[in-house]
């Protein structure tokens, strides 16, 4: 998790790889005709966020937005 705060160049590549993989899954699910999807993440501990609020939008929000856009396209 410390690497998320430092923002190494590999972080963006990793985020893009995860986004690409999950987007492919969403597309497959849409092709299969699923009626309901659950898109979630686990950035929280039992009593707090594991990521600070300024970092969370960079890691989570763009991915969730892309998933929803893929669903709307299909």
C-alpha atoms as a PDB file:
ATOM      1  CA  UNK A   1       0.000   0.000   0.000  1.00  0.00           C
ATOM      2  CA  UNK A   2       2.879   2.383   0.606  1.00  0.00           C
ATOM      3  CA  UNK A   3       3.625   2.359  -3.122  1.00  0.00           C
ATOM      4  CA  UNK A   4       0.240   3.915  -3.810  1.00  0.00           C
ATOM      5  CA  UNK A   5       1.233   7.002  -1.858  1.00  0.00           C
ATOM      6  CA  UNK A   6       4.564   7.341  -3.622  1.00  0.00           C
ATOM      7  CA  UNK A   7       3.099   6.872  -7.070  1.00  0.00           C
ATOM      8  CA  UNK A   8       5.824   4.838  -8.810  1.00  0.00           C
ATOM      9  CA  UNK A   9       5.573   4.688 -12.610  1.00  0.00           C
ATOM     10  CA  UNK A  10       4.606   1.027 -12.469  1.00  0.00           C
ATOM     11  CA  UNK A  11       1.471   1.900 -10.504  1.00  0.00           C
ATOM     12  CA  UNK A  12      -0.327   3.358 -13.504  1.00  0.00           C
ATOM     13  CA  UNK A  13       0.623   0.308 -15.573  1.00  0.00           C
ATOM     14  CA  UNK A  14      -0.717  -2.022 -12.889  1.00  0.00           C
ATOM     15  CA  UNK A  15      -3.957  -0.063 -12.598  1.00  0.00           C
ATOM     16  CA  UNK A  16      -4.358  -0.180 -16.389  1.00  0.00           C
ATOM     17  CA  UNK A  17      -3.756  -3.944 -16.442  1.00  0.00           C
ATOM     18  CA  UNK A  18      -6.397  -4.548 -13.771  1.00  0.00           C
ATOM     19  CA  UNK A  19      -8.827  -2.231 -15.549  1.00  0.00           C
ATOM     20  CA  UNK A  20      -8.288  -4.022 -18.874  1.00  0.00           C
ATOM     21  CA  UNK A  21      -8.802  -7.443 -17.301  1.00  0.00           C
ATOM     22  CA  UNK A  22     -11.936  -6.441 -15.429  1.00  0.00           C
ATOM     23  CA  UNK A  23     -13.356  -4.646 -18.475  1.00  0.00           C
ATOM     24  CA  UNK A  24     -12.930  -7.844 -20.484  1.00  0.00           C
ATOM     25  CA  UNK A  25     -14.829  -9.713 -17.770  1.00  0.00           C
ATOM     26  CA  UNK A  26     -17.647  -7.172 -17.864  1.00  0.00           C
ATOM     27  CA  UNK A  27     -17.862  -7.525 -21.652  1.00  0.00           C
ATOM     28  CA  UNK A  28     -18.041 -11.321 -21.376  1.00  0.00           C
ATOM     29  CA  UNK A  29     -20.764 -11.082 -18.767  1.00  0.00           C
ATOM     30  CA  UNK A  30     -22.735  -8.716 -20.979  1.00  0.00           C
ATOM     31  CA  UNK A  31     -22.376 -11.105 -23.933  1.00  0.00           C
ATOM     32  CA  UNK A  32     -23.738 -13.882 -21.707  1.00  0.00           C
ATOM     33  CA  UNK A  33     -26.783 -11.752 -20.956  1.00  0.00           C
ATOM     34  CA  UNK A  34     -26.406 -11.374 -17.220  1.00  0.00           C
ATOM     35  CA  UNK A  35     -29.135  -9.353 -15.573  1.00  0.00           C
ATOM     36  CA  UNK A  36     -27.255  -8.131 -12.507  1.00  0.00           C
ATOM     37  CA  UNK A  37     -23.599  -7.429 -11.789  1.00  0.00           C
ATOM     38  CA  UNK A  38     -21.912  -6.498  -8.563  1.00  0.00           C
ATOM     39  CA  UNK A  39     -18.857  -4.324  -8.911  1.00  0.00           C
ATOM     40  CA  UNK A  40     -17.070  -3.839  -5.646  1.00  0.00           C
ATOM     41  CA  UNK A  41     -13.647  -3.353  -4.176  1.00  0.00           C
ATOM     42  CA  UNK A  42     -12.141  -3.757  -0.774  1.00  0.00           C
ATOM     43  CA  UNK A  43     -10.075  -0.758   0.194  1.00  0.00           C
ATOM     44  CA  UNK A  44     -11.193  -0.794   3.786  1.00  0.00           C
ATOM     45  CA  UNK A  45     -10.032  -2.331   7.005  1.00  0.00           C
ATOM     46  CA  UNK A  46     -12.483  -3.159   9.765  1.00  0.00           C
ATOM     47  CA  UNK A  47     -12.370   0.329  11.222  1.00  0.00           C
ATOM     48  CA  UNK A  48     -10.934   2.631   8.531  1.00  0.00           C
ATOM     49  CA  UNK A  49      -9.931   3.028   4.903  1.00  0.00           C
ATOM     50  CA  UNK A  50      -6.641   1.427   3.903  1.00  0.00           C
ATOM     51  CA  UNK A  51      -6.082   4.260   1.430  1.00  0.00           C
ATOM     52  CA  UNK A  52      -6.226   7.934   2.172  1.00  0.00           C
ATOM     53  CA  UNK A  53      -9.148   9.850   0.660  1.00  0.00           C
ATOM     54  CA  UNK A  54      -6.917  11.768  -1.825  1.00  0.00           C
ATOM     55  CA  UNK A  55      -5.534   8.492  -3.250  1.00  0.00           C
ATOM     56  CA  UNK A  56      -8.783   6.527  -3.392  1.00  0.00           C
ATOM     57  CA  UNK A  57     -10.278   8.396  -6.379  1.00  0.00           C
ATOM     58  CA  UNK A  58      -7.164   7.749  -8.471  1.00  0.00           C
ATOM     59  CA  UNK A  59      -7.291   4.027  -7.792  1.00  0.00           C
ATOM     60  CA  UNK A  60     -11.000   3.263  -7.602  1.00  0.00           C
ATOM     61  CA  UNK A  61     -13.248   5.838  -9.234  1.00  0.00           C
ATOM     62  CA  UNK A  62     -11.868   5.654 -12.808  1.00  0.00           C
ATOM     63  CA  UNK A  63     -12.271   1.877 -12.787  1.00  0.00           C
ATOM     64  CA  UNK A  64     -15.817   1.953 -11.533  1.00  0.00           C
ATOM     65  CA  UNK A  65     -16.676   4.591 -14.127  1.00  0.00           C
ATOM     66  CA  UNK A  66     -15.205   2.466 -16.932  1.00  0.00           C
ATOM     67  CA  UNK A  67     -17.142  -0.617 -15.814  1.00  0.00           C
ATOM     68  CA  UNK A  68     -20.408   1.300 -15.827  1.00  0.00           C
ATOM     69  CA  UNK A  69     -19.614   2.766 -19.258  1.00  0.00           C
ATOM     70  CA  UNK A  70     -18.982  -0.744 -20.628  1.00  0.00           C
ATOM     71  CA  UNK A  71     -22.326  -1.910 -19.284  1.00  0.00           C
ATOM     72  CA  UNK A  72     -24.136   1.055 -20.807  1.00  0.00           C
ATOM     73  CA  UNK A  73     -22.498   0.416 -24.206  1.00  0.00           C
ATOM     74  CA  UNK A  74     -23.743  -3.155 -24.304  1.00  0.00           C
END
